Every structure is written in structure tokens, then in C-alpha cells.
Amino acid sequence: MRADLQPETATEVAMLPYVLRHGTRALPSMRAINRHREELYGTTLGVNVLKLGEQQVLTFSLGLLGDAFLPASEGILEPGLRLLSDLLFDPHLPDGVFRQDAV
């Protein structure tokens, strides 16, 4: 994701990926997310922010085992992508705002 670098919003944009990784509606805490990642054979989840010219670039990454290395009935691509999607589009927002301890 990219955002124009603006002095008024630079801090909020830079914090966003780190706040989002604190929970989703389905997995409302970092502990719940980490347990779920472990169920997905140690799937890794990464977030980062960098400056590229006059833009801030937010990256979200997911590292998964290939389905070829798992038992036939245990594909983890779909649940891994669901986790990433939930982080971006369905964050944990009690009372409609981010939790104070996440911010």
C-alpha cells in the first residue's frame, strides 16, 4: 500500500500496520494470531513501513509452507490468505476504535 508522504498524517500511516497486527475480529489479540500462525505450521506474518521518494509504503507479508510439503488434506494457503485479509479489512475494533494498548 502506498500513501503520499504528508506531515499531518505521516505518523498515523507509519503506525497503521503495527496497530493492525494486534488483532482481527476473529482473532482479537496478538496471542490469538500467533496461536493461529502456529496451527498453520509456523506461518510467518510481517509488516513494515518505508519511505520511497515522497511516498510511504506499507508492506504486509505472509510466509507459508508449500502445499506440496503438507499432508494432502491440509492446505494452508487459503487460511493464511484469510488471516492476511482479515488483518487488512476486518481489524479488531472494540467500540469502533483500535484498542488503546495496540496504539
Protein backbone atom coordinates (compact mmCIF):
# COMPACT_ATOMS: atom_id res chain seq x y z
CA MET A 1 0.00 0.00 0.00
CA ARG A 2 1.25 3.47 -0.76
CA ALA A 3 0.35 6.85 0.69
CA ASP A 4 1.65 10.27 -0.21
CA LEU A 5 4.02 11.50 2.46
CA GLN A 6 2.22 14.29 4.32
CA PRO A 7 3.48 15.86 7.56
CA GLU A 8 -0.05 15.79 9.02
CA THR A 9 -0.52 12.03 8.54
CA ALA A 10 2.97 10.52 8.36
CA THR A 11 2.94 9.22 11.94
CA GLU A 12 -0.52 7.66 11.69
CA VAL A 13 0.29 5.98 8.38
CA ALA A 14 3.59 4.65 9.77
CA MET A 15 1.82 3.18 12.82
CA LEU A 16 -1.05 1.58 10.93
CA PRO A 17 0.50 -1.81 10.01
CA TYR A 18 1.82 -2.28 13.54
CA VAL A 19 -1.58 -1.49 15.06
CA LEU A 20 -3.38 -3.76 12.58
CA ARG A 21 -1.25 -6.77 13.55
CA HIS A 22 -2.64 -6.58 17.09
CA GLY A 23 -5.84 -8.41 16.18
CA THR A 24 -8.75 -9.16 13.90
CA ARG A 25 -12.40 -9.64 14.69
CA ALA A 26 -11.90 -13.42 14.54
CA LEU A 27 -8.50 -13.36 16.33
CA PRO A 28 -8.75 -10.39 18.72
CA SER A 29 -5.22 -10.41 20.14
CA MET A 30 -1.62 -10.94 19.11
CA ARG A 31 -1.62 -14.11 21.19
CA ALA A 32 -4.61 -15.46 19.23
CA ILE A 33 -2.93 -14.56 15.93
CA ASN A 34 0.32 -16.24 17.00
CA ARG A 35 -1.51 -19.41 18.05
CA HIS A 36 -3.30 -19.48 14.70
CA ARG A 37 0.00 -18.98 12.85
CA GLU A 38 1.45 -21.95 14.72
CA GLU A 39 -1.54 -24.06 13.67
CA LEU A 40 -0.59 -23.12 10.12
CA TYR A 41 2.84 -24.77 10.52
CA GLY A 42 4.59 -21.65 11.75
CA THR A 43 3.37 -19.31 9.05
CA THR A 44 5.21 -16.01 9.31
CA LEU A 45 3.48 -12.65 9.21
CA GLY A 46 5.42 -9.47 8.60
CA VAL A 47 4.65 -5.77 8.42
CA ASN A 48 6.90 -2.88 7.51
CA VAL A 49 6.85 0.78 6.54
CA LEU A 50 9.40 2.53 4.37
CA LYS A 51 9.82 5.81 2.57
CA LEU A 52 10.10 5.67 -1.19
CA GLY A 53 10.59 9.12 -2.64
CA GLU A 54 7.66 11.20 -1.45
CA GLN A 55 5.54 8.20 -0.52
CA GLN A 56 5.20 5.91 2.47
CA VAL A 57 4.99 2.26 1.51
CA LEU A 58 3.26 -0.17 3.85
CA THR A 59 4.06 -3.84 3.28
CA PHE A 60 2.33 -6.89 4.66
CA SER A 61 3.90 -10.29 4.04
CA LEU A 62 2.96 -13.88 4.69
CA GLY A 63 5.40 -16.80 4.59
CA LEU A 64 3.78 -20.22 4.14
CA LEU A 65 4.90 -23.77 3.59
CA GLY A 66 4.08 -25.02 0.13
CA ASP A 67 1.11 -27.39 -0.01
CA ALA A 68 3.41 -29.98 -1.61
CA PHE A 69 5.19 -30.33 1.75
CA LEU A 70 2.00 -30.88 3.76
CA PRO A 71 -0.39 -33.81 4.14
CA ALA A 72 -2.85 -33.86 1.24
CA SER A 73 -5.82 -32.68 3.29
CA GLU A 74 -4.03 -29.77 4.99
CA GLY A 75 -3.67 -26.88 2.56
CA ILE A 76 -2.74 -23.68 4.40
CA LEU A 77 -2.79 -21.16 1.57
CA GLU A 78 -6.47 -20.29 1.98
CA PRO A 79 -6.41 -19.89 5.78
CA GLY A 80 -3.16 -17.92 5.51
CA LEU A 81 -4.64 -15.55 2.96
CA ARG A 82 -7.76 -15.22 5.10
CA LEU A 83 -5.56 -14.15 8.03
CA LEU A 84 -3.83 -11.52 5.90
CA SER A 85 -7.17 -10.31 4.52
CA ASP A 86 -8.69 -10.09 8.00
CA LEU A 87 -5.71 -8.05 9.24
CA LEU A 88 -6.26 -5.53 6.47
CA PHE A 89 -10.04 -5.46 6.14
CA ASP A 90 -11.53 -6.78 9.40
CA PRO A 91 -9.39 -5.49 12.30
CA HIS A 92 -10.36 -5.88 15.94
CA LEU A 93 -12.18 -2.64 16.76
CA PRO A 94 -13.89 -2.85 20.15
CA ASP A 95 -16.32 0.06 20.42
CA GLY A 96 -15.46 1.03 16.82
CA VAL A 97 -11.86 2.13 17.56
CA PHE A 98 -8.46 0.49 17.88
CA ARG A 99 -7.57 -0.73 21.37
CA GLN A 100 -5.51 1.76 23.37
CA ASP A 101 -2.83 -0.86 24.16
CA ALA A 102 -2.39 -1.53 20.43
CA VAL A 103 -1.83 2.15 19.71
